[in-house]
Amino acid sequence: MAGEPEDARRGTIAAVPGDEAEARADREMADAERAVALGTATDEQRTAVDRIAHARTQEERRSVWMGGSAS
């Protein structure tokens, strides 16, 4: 990414869902983001994607998506 050191993401491990609910949330997020990108999203999907836009990590995004708050 622009502005980051070349090795900024070296060694980063992708966030793995801890249970079925988290895996479902990840799938729902991906589906909603894909629909937004393609212009086929429902109002609910657009609102949900807007709600997670400020989160910076997968864990934060998942927490917000599942109804928690990202600090």
PDB file of N, CA and C in Angstrom:
ATOM      1  N   MET A   1       0.835  -1.183   0.000  1.00  0.00           N
ATOM      2  CA  MET A   1       0.000   0.000   0.000  1.00  0.00           C
ATOM      3  C   MET A   1       0.879   1.245   0.000  1.00  0.00           C
ATOM      4  N   ALA A   2       0.400   2.266  -0.617  1.00  0.00           N
ATOM      5  CA  ALA A   2       1.156   3.513  -0.697  1.00  0.00           C
ATOM      6  C   ALA A   2       1.392   4.072   0.696  1.00  0.00           C
ATOM      7  N   GLY A   3       2.590   4.554   0.932  1.00  0.00           N
ATOM      8  CA  GLY A   3       2.904   5.180   2.207  1.00  0.00           C
ATOM      9  C   GLY A   3       3.367   4.216   3.286  1.00  0.00           C
ATOM     10  N   GLU A   4       3.296   2.916   3.032  1.00  0.00           N
ATOM     11  CA  GLU A   4       3.744   1.934   4.009  1.00  0.00           C
ATOM     12  C   GLU A   4       5.123   1.431   3.635  1.00  0.00           C
ATOM     13  N   PRO A   5       5.929   1.088   4.637  1.00  0.00           N
ATOM     14  CA  PRO A   5       7.216   0.481   4.324  1.00  0.00           C
ATOM     15  C   PRO A   5       7.005  -0.827   3.563  1.00  0.00           C
ATOM     16  N   GLU A   6       7.969  -1.197   2.753  1.00  0.00           N
ATOM     17  CA  GLU A   6       7.858  -2.400   1.928  1.00  0.00           C
ATOM     18  C   GLU A   6       7.510  -3.643   2.748  1.00  0.00           C
ATOM     19  N   ASP A   7       8.046  -3.736   3.960  1.00  0.00           N
ATOM     20  CA  ASP A   7       7.821  -4.937   4.768  1.00  0.00           C
ATOM     21  C   ASP A   7       6.719  -4.767   5.820  1.00  0.00           C
ATOM     22  N   ALA A   8       5.851  -3.793   5.654  1.00  0.00           N
ATOM     23  CA  ALA A   8       4.831  -3.495   6.665  1.00  0.00           C
ATOM     24  C   ALA A   8       3.911  -4.672   6.958  1.00  0.00           C
ATOM     25  N   ARG A   9       3.642  -5.500   5.989  1.00  0.00           N
ATOM     26  CA  ARG A   9       2.710  -6.612   6.185  1.00  0.00           C
ATOM     27  C   ARG A   9       3.404  -7.973   6.227  1.00  0.00           C
ATOM     28  N   ARG A  10       4.706  -7.972   6.235  1.00  0.00           N
ATOM     29  CA  ARG A  10       5.445  -9.226   6.287  1.00  0.00           C
ATOM     30  C   ARG A  10       5.128  -9.947   7.599  1.00  0.00           C
ATOM     31  N   GLY A  11       4.823 -11.221   7.508  1.00  0.00           N
ATOM     32  CA  GLY A  11       4.554 -12.012   8.700  1.00  0.00           C
ATOM     33  C   GLY A  11       3.138 -11.885   9.219  1.00  0.00           C
ATOM     34  N   THR A  12       2.311 -11.108   8.540  1.00  0.00           N
ATOM     35  CA  THR A  12       0.928 -10.953   8.976  1.00  0.00           C
ATOM     36  C   THR A  12       0.161 -12.226   8.666  1.00  0.00           C
ATOM     37  N   ILE A  13      -0.571 -12.699   9.634  1.00  0.00           N
ATOM     38  CA  ILE A  13      -1.389 -13.890   9.458  1.00  0.00           C
ATOM     39  C   ILE A  13      -2.841 -13.453   9.336  1.00  0.00           C
ATOM     40  N   ALA A  14      -3.524 -13.959   8.337  1.00  0.00           N
ATOM     41  CA  ALA A  14      -4.923 -13.613   8.124  1.00  0.00           C
ATOM     42  C   ALA A  14      -5.762 -14.045   9.321  1.00  0.00           C
ATOM     43  N   ALA A  15      -6.730 -13.225   9.650  1.00  0.00           N
ATOM     44  CA  ALA A  15      -7.630 -13.534  10.759  1.00  0.00           C
ATOM     45  C   ALA A  15      -8.489 -14.744  10.406  1.00  0.00           C
ATOM     46  N   VAL A  16      -8.434 -15.768  11.225  1.00  0.00           N
ATOM     47  CA  VAL A  16      -9.188 -16.992  10.987  1.00  0.00           C
ATOM     48  C   VAL A  16     -10.415 -16.986  11.889  1.00  0.00           C
ATOM     49  N   PRO A  17     -11.583 -17.295  11.327  1.00  0.00           N
ATOM     50  CA  PRO A  17     -12.788 -17.343  12.168  1.00  0.00           C
ATOM     51  C   PRO A  17     -12.636 -18.367  13.288  1.00  0.00           C
ATOM     52  N   GLY A  18     -13.121 -18.017  14.463  1.00  0.00           N
ATOM     53  CA  GLY A  18     -13.005 -18.900  15.611  1.00  0.00           C
ATOM     54  C   GLY A  18     -14.139 -19.893  15.737  1.00  0.00           C
ATOM     55  N   ASP A  19     -15.247 -19.624  15.071  1.00  0.00           N
ATOM     56  CA  ASP A  19     -16.388 -20.527  15.133  1.00  0.00           C
ATOM     57  C   ASP A  19     -17.275 -20.317  13.908  1.00  0.00           C
ATOM     58  N   GLU A  20     -18.362 -21.054  13.826  1.00  0.00           N
ATOM     59  CA  GLU A  20     -19.242 -20.986  12.660  1.00  0.00           C
ATOM     60  C   GLU A  20     -19.886 -19.605  12.516  1.00  0.00           C
ATOM     61  N   ALA A  21     -20.217 -18.960  13.613  1.00  0.00           N
ATOM     62  CA  ALA A  21     -20.830 -17.629  13.538  1.00  0.00           C
ATOM     63  C   ALA A  21     -19.863 -16.623  12.909  1.00  0.00           C
ATOM     64  N   GLU A  22     -18.595 -16.689  13.274  1.00  0.00           N
ATOM     65  CA  GLU A  22     -17.599 -15.792  12.690  1.00  0.00           C
ATOM     66  C   GLU A  22     -17.367 -16.122  11.222  1.00  0.00           C
ATOM     67  N   ALA A  23     -17.366 -17.401  10.870  1.00  0.00           N
ATOM     68  CA  ALA A  23     -17.204 -17.792   9.469  1.00  0.00           C
ATOM     69  C   ALA A  23     -18.386 -17.287   8.645  1.00  0.00           C
ATOM     70  N   ARG A  24     -19.593 -17.384   9.198  1.00  0.00           N
ATOM     71  CA  ARG A  24     -20.782 -16.886   8.510  1.00  0.00           C
ATOM     72  C   ARG A  24     -20.698 -15.373   8.323  1.00  0.00           C
ATOM     73  N   ALA A  25     -20.242 -14.669   9.355  1.00  0.00           N
ATOM     74  CA  ALA A  25     -20.093 -13.213   9.262  1.00  0.00           C
ATOM     75  C   ALA A  25     -19.089 -12.848   8.168  1.00  0.00           C
ATOM     76  N   ASP A  26     -17.979 -13.569   8.092  1.00  0.00           N
ATOM     77  CA  ASP A  26     -16.980 -13.307   7.041  1.00  0.00           C
ATOM     78  C   ASP A  26     -17.578 -13.504   5.654  1.00  0.00           C
ATOM     79  N   ARG A  27     -18.359 -14.570   5.479  1.00  0.00           N
ATOM     80  CA  ARG A  27     -18.996 -14.818   4.183  1.00  0.00           C
ATOM     81  C   ARG A  27     -20.000 -13.718   3.851  1.00  0.00           C
ATOM     82  N   GLU A  28     -20.789 -13.311   4.843  1.00  0.00           N
ATOM     83  CA  GLU A  28     -21.778 -12.254   4.623  1.00  0.00           C
ATOM     84  C   GLU A  28     -21.099 -10.938   4.252  1.00  0.00           C
ATOM     85  N   MET A  29     -20.004 -10.609   4.956  1.00  0.00           N
ATOM     86  CA  MET A  29     -19.264  -9.383   4.626  1.00  0.00           C
ATOM     87  C   MET A  29     -18.751  -9.431   3.195  1.00  0.00           C
ATOM     88  N   ALA A  30     -18.161 -10.555   2.820  1.00  0.00           N
ATOM     89  CA  ALA A  30     -17.618 -10.684   1.465  1.00  0.00           C
ATOM     90  C   ALA A  30     -18.722 -10.564   0.423  1.00  0.00           C
ATOM     91  N   ASP A  31     -19.844 -11.211   0.669  1.00  0.00           N
ATOM     92  CA  ASP A  31     -20.975 -11.131  -0.265  1.00  0.00           C
ATOM     93  C   ASP A  31     -21.479  -9.705  -0.395  1.00  0.00           C
ATOM     94  N   ALA A  32     -21.606  -9.014   0.740  1.00  0.00           N
ATOM     95  CA  ALA A  32     -22.112  -7.641   0.725  1.00  0.00           C
ATOM     96  C   ALA A  32     -21.139  -6.704   0.022  1.00  0.00           C
ATOM     97  N   GLU A  33     -19.850  -6.837   0.312  1.00  0.00           N
ATOM     98  CA  GLU A  33     -18.862  -5.973  -0.330  1.00  0.00           C
ATOM     99  C   GLU A  33     -18.801  -6.225  -1.836  1.00  0.00           C
ATOM    100  N   ARG A  34     -18.934  -7.478  -2.229  1.00  0.00           N
ATOM    101  CA  ARG A  34     -18.959  -7.814  -3.656  1.00  0.00           C
ATOM    102  C   ARG A  34     -20.177  -7.178  -4.321  1.00  0.00           C
ATOM    103  N   ALA A  35     -21.339  -7.269  -3.680  1.00  0.00           N
ATOM    104  CA  ALA A  35     -22.566  -6.696  -4.233  1.00  0.00           C
ATOM    105  C   ALA A  35     -22.450  -5.177  -4.354  1.00  0.00           C
ATOM    106  N   VAL A  36     -21.849  -4.534  -3.350  1.00  0.00           N
ATOM    107  CA  VAL A  36     -21.654  -3.083  -3.425  1.00  0.00           C
ATOM    108  C   VAL A  36     -20.759  -2.747  -4.617  1.00  0.00           C
ATOM    109  N   ALA A  37     -19.669  -3.487  -4.765  1.00  0.00           N
ATOM    110  CA  ALA A  37     -18.735  -3.223  -5.865  1.00  0.00           C
ATOM    111  C   ALA A  37     -19.391  -3.426  -7.231  1.00  0.00           C
ATOM    112  N   LEU A  38     -20.292  -4.379  -7.316  1.00  0.00           N
ATOM    113  CA  LEU A  38     -20.956  -4.680  -8.582  1.00  0.00           C
ATOM    114  C   LEU A  38     -22.197  -3.831  -8.832  1.00  0.00           C
ATOM    115  N   GLY A  39     -22.600  -3.072  -7.798  1.00  0.00           N
ATOM    116  CA  GLY A  39     -23.785  -2.229  -7.942  1.00  0.00           C
ATOM    117  C   GLY A  39     -25.089  -2.984  -7.794  1.00  0.00           C
ATOM    118  N   THR A  40     -25.046  -4.154  -7.182  1.00  0.00           N
ATOM    119  CA  THR A  40     -26.253  -4.969  -7.015  1.00  0.00           C
ATOM    120  C   THR A  40     -26.677  -5.108  -5.554  1.00  0.00           C
ATOM    121  N   ALA A  41     -26.058  -4.341  -4.665  1.00  0.00           N
ATOM    122  CA  ALA A  41     -26.322  -4.466  -3.230  1.00  0.00           C
ATOM    123  C   ALA A  41     -27.715  -3.973  -2.859  1.00  0.00           C
ATOM    124  N   THR A  42     -28.267  -4.613  -1.851  1.00  0.00           N
ATOM    125  CA  THR A  42     -29.516  -4.142  -1.266  1.00  0.00           C
ATOM    126  C   THR A  42     -29.194  -2.950  -0.366  1.00  0.00           C
ATOM    127  N   ASP A  43     -30.216  -2.221   0.035  1.00  0.00           N
ATOM    128  CA  ASP A  43     -30.004  -1.110   0.971  1.00  0.00           C
ATOM    129  C   ASP A  43     -29.365  -1.624   2.262  1.00  0.00           C
ATOM    130  N   GLU A  44     -29.802  -2.778   2.720  1.00  0.00           N
ATOM    131  CA  GLU A  44     -29.250  -3.371   3.946  1.00  0.00           C
ATOM    132  C   GLU A  44     -27.763  -3.675   3.796  1.00  0.00           C
ATOM    133  N   GLN A  45     -27.376  -4.237   2.655  1.00  0.00           N
ATOM    134  CA  GLN A  45     -25.961  -4.534   2.420  1.00  0.00           C
ATOM    135  C   GLN A  45     -25.134  -3.263   2.354  1.00  0.00           C
ATOM    136  N   ARG A  46     -25.623  -2.240   1.667  1.00  0.00           N
ATOM    137  CA  ARG A  46     -24.878  -0.969   1.586  1.00  0.00           C
ATOM    138  C   ARG A  46     -24.702  -0.350   2.967  1.00  0.00           C
ATOM    139  N   THR A  47     -25.760  -0.365   3.762  1.00  0.00           N
ATOM    140  CA  THR A  47     -25.687   0.194   5.114  1.00  0.00           C
ATOM    141  C   THR A  47     -24.679  -0.576   5.967  1.00  0.00           C
ATOM    142  N   ALA A  48     -24.701  -1.897   5.867  1.00  0.00           N
ATOM    143  CA  ALA A  48     -23.784  -2.725   6.653  1.00  0.00           C
ATOM    144  C   ALA A  48     -22.336  -2.493   6.237  1.00  0.00           C
ATOM    145  N   VAL A  49     -22.078  -2.383   4.942  1.00  0.00           N
ATOM    146  CA  VAL A  49     -20.714  -2.139   4.462  1.00  0.00           C
ATOM    147  C   VAL A  49     -20.255  -0.754   4.917  1.00  0.00           C
ATOM    148  N   ASP A  50     -21.119   0.232   4.875  1.00  0.00           N
ATOM    149  CA  ASP A  50     -20.765   1.562   5.373  1.00  0.00           C
ATOM    150  C   ASP A  50     -20.421   1.511   6.859  1.00  0.00           C
ATOM    151  N   ARG A  51     -21.143   0.688   7.618  1.00  0.00           N
ATOM    152  CA  ARG A  51     -20.934   0.592   9.068  1.00  0.00           C
ATOM    153  C   ARG A  51     -19.554   0.021   9.401  1.00  0.00           C
ATOM    154  N   ILE A  52     -19.039  -0.878   8.573  1.00  0.00           N
ATOM    155  CA  ILE A  52     -17.727  -1.487   8.868  1.00  0.00           C
ATOM    156  C   ILE A  52     -16.569  -0.760   8.205  1.00  0.00           C
ATOM    157  N   ALA A  53     -16.859   0.256   7.419  1.00  0.00           N
ATOM    158  CA  ALA A  53     -15.813   0.926   6.633  1.00  0.00           C
ATOM    159  C   ALA A  53     -14.696   1.521   7.485  1.00  0.00           C
ATOM    160  N   HIS A  54     -15.000   1.949   8.699  1.00  0.00           N
ATOM    161  CA  HIS A  54     -13.978   2.583   9.543  1.00  0.00           C
ATOM    162  C   HIS A  54     -13.046   1.567  10.211  1.00  0.00           C
ATOM    163  N   ALA A  55     -13.459   0.313  10.290  1.00  0.00           N
ATOM    164  CA  ALA A  55     -12.655  -0.715  10.958  1.00  0.00           C
ATOM    165  C   ALA A  55     -11.421  -1.028  10.126  1.00  0.00           C
ATOM    166  N   ARG A  56     -10.291  -1.235  10.773  1.00  0.00           N
ATOM    167  CA  ARG A  56      -9.033  -1.419  10.058  1.00  0.00           C
ATOM    168  C   ARG A  56      -8.546  -2.860  10.006  1.00  0.00           C
ATOM    169  N   THR A  57      -8.976  -3.695  10.923  1.00  0.00           N
ATOM    170  CA  THR A  57      -8.536  -5.090  10.908  1.00  0.00           C
ATOM    171  C   THR A  57      -9.735  -5.991  10.658  1.00  0.00           C
ATOM    172  N   GLN A  58      -9.447  -7.206  10.234  1.00  0.00           N
ATOM    173  CA  GLN A  58     -10.529  -8.164  10.010  1.00  0.00           C
ATOM    174  C   GLN A  58     -11.287  -8.420  11.309  1.00  0.00           C
ATOM    175  N   GLU A  59     -10.573  -8.495  12.414  1.00  0.00           N
ATOM    176  CA  GLU A  59     -11.230  -8.721  13.694  1.00  0.00           C
ATOM    177  C   GLU A  59     -12.178  -7.580  14.039  1.00  0.00           C
ATOM    178  N   GLU A  60     -11.750  -6.336  13.803  1.00  0.00           N
ATOM    179  CA  GLU A  60     -12.613  -5.181  14.059  1.00  0.00           C
ATOM    180  C   GLU A  60     -13.829  -5.202  13.143  1.00  0.00           C
ATOM    181  N   ARG A  61     -13.583  -5.485  11.863  1.00  0.00           N
ATOM    182  CA  ARG A  61     -14.687  -5.521  10.895  1.00  0.00           C
ATOM    183  C   ARG A  61     -15.705  -6.589  11.294  1.00  0.00           C
ATOM    184  N   ARG A  62     -15.211  -7.757  11.668  1.00  0.00           N
ATOM    185  CA  ARG A  62     -16.097  -8.848  12.064  1.00  0.00           C
ATOM    186  C   ARG A  62     -16.891  -8.476  13.307  1.00  0.00           C
ATOM    187  N   SER A  63     -16.237  -7.864  14.268  1.00  0.00           N
ATOM    188  CA  SER A  63     -16.912  -7.462  15.501  1.00  0.00           C
ATOM    189  C   SER A  63     -18.050  -6.478  15.219  1.00  0.00           C
ATOM    190  N   VAL A  64     -17.772  -5.470  14.406  1.00  0.00           N
ATOM    191  CA  VAL A  64     -18.799  -4.496  14.052  1.00  0.00           C
ATOM    192  C   VAL A  64     -19.925  -5.184  13.279  1.00  0.00           C
ATOM    193  N   TRP A  65     -19.552  -6.029  12.338  1.00  0.00           N
ATOM    194  CA  TRP A  65     -20.559  -6.724  11.518  1.00  0.00           C
ATOM    195  C   TRP A  65     -21.488  -7.556  12.401  1.00  0.00           C
ATOM    196  N   MET A  66     -20.910  -8.203  13.411  1.00  0.00           N
ATOM    197  CA  MET A  66     -21.695  -9.075  14.280  1.00  0.00           C
ATOM    198  C   MET A  66     -22.434  -8.317  15.380  1.00  0.00           C
ATOM    199  N   GLY A  67     -22.321  -6.976  15.349  1.00  0.00           N
ATOM    200  CA  GLY A  67     -23.091  -6.197  16.307  1.00  0.00           C
ATOM    201  C   GLY A  67     -22.310  -5.674  17.476  1.00  0.00           C
ATOM    202  N   GLY A  68     -21.016  -5.927  17.484  1.00  0.00           N
ATOM    203  CA  GLY A  68     -20.174  -5.407  18.557  1.00  0.00           C
ATOM    204  C   GLY A  68     -19.696  -4.020  18.194  1.00  0.00           C
ATOM    205  N   SER A  69     -18.700  -3.554  18.896  1.00  0.00           N
ATOM    206  CA  SER A  69     -18.121  -2.256  18.570  1.00  0.00           C
ATOM    207  C   SER A  69     -16.617  -2.407  18.452  1.00  0.00           C
ATOM    208  N   ALA A  70     -16.071  -1.676  17.549  1.00  0.00           N
ATOM    209  CA  ALA A  70     -14.612  -1.658  17.382  1.00  0.00           C
ATOM    210  C   ALA A  70     -14.087  -0.450  18.139  1.00  0.00           C
ATOM    211  N   SER A  71     -13.165  -0.682  19.059  1.00  0.00           N
ATOM    212  CA  SER A  71     -12.632   0.415  19.854  1.00  0.00           C
ATOM    213  C   SER A  71     -11.453   1.048  19.186  1.00  0.00           C
TER     214      SER A  71
END
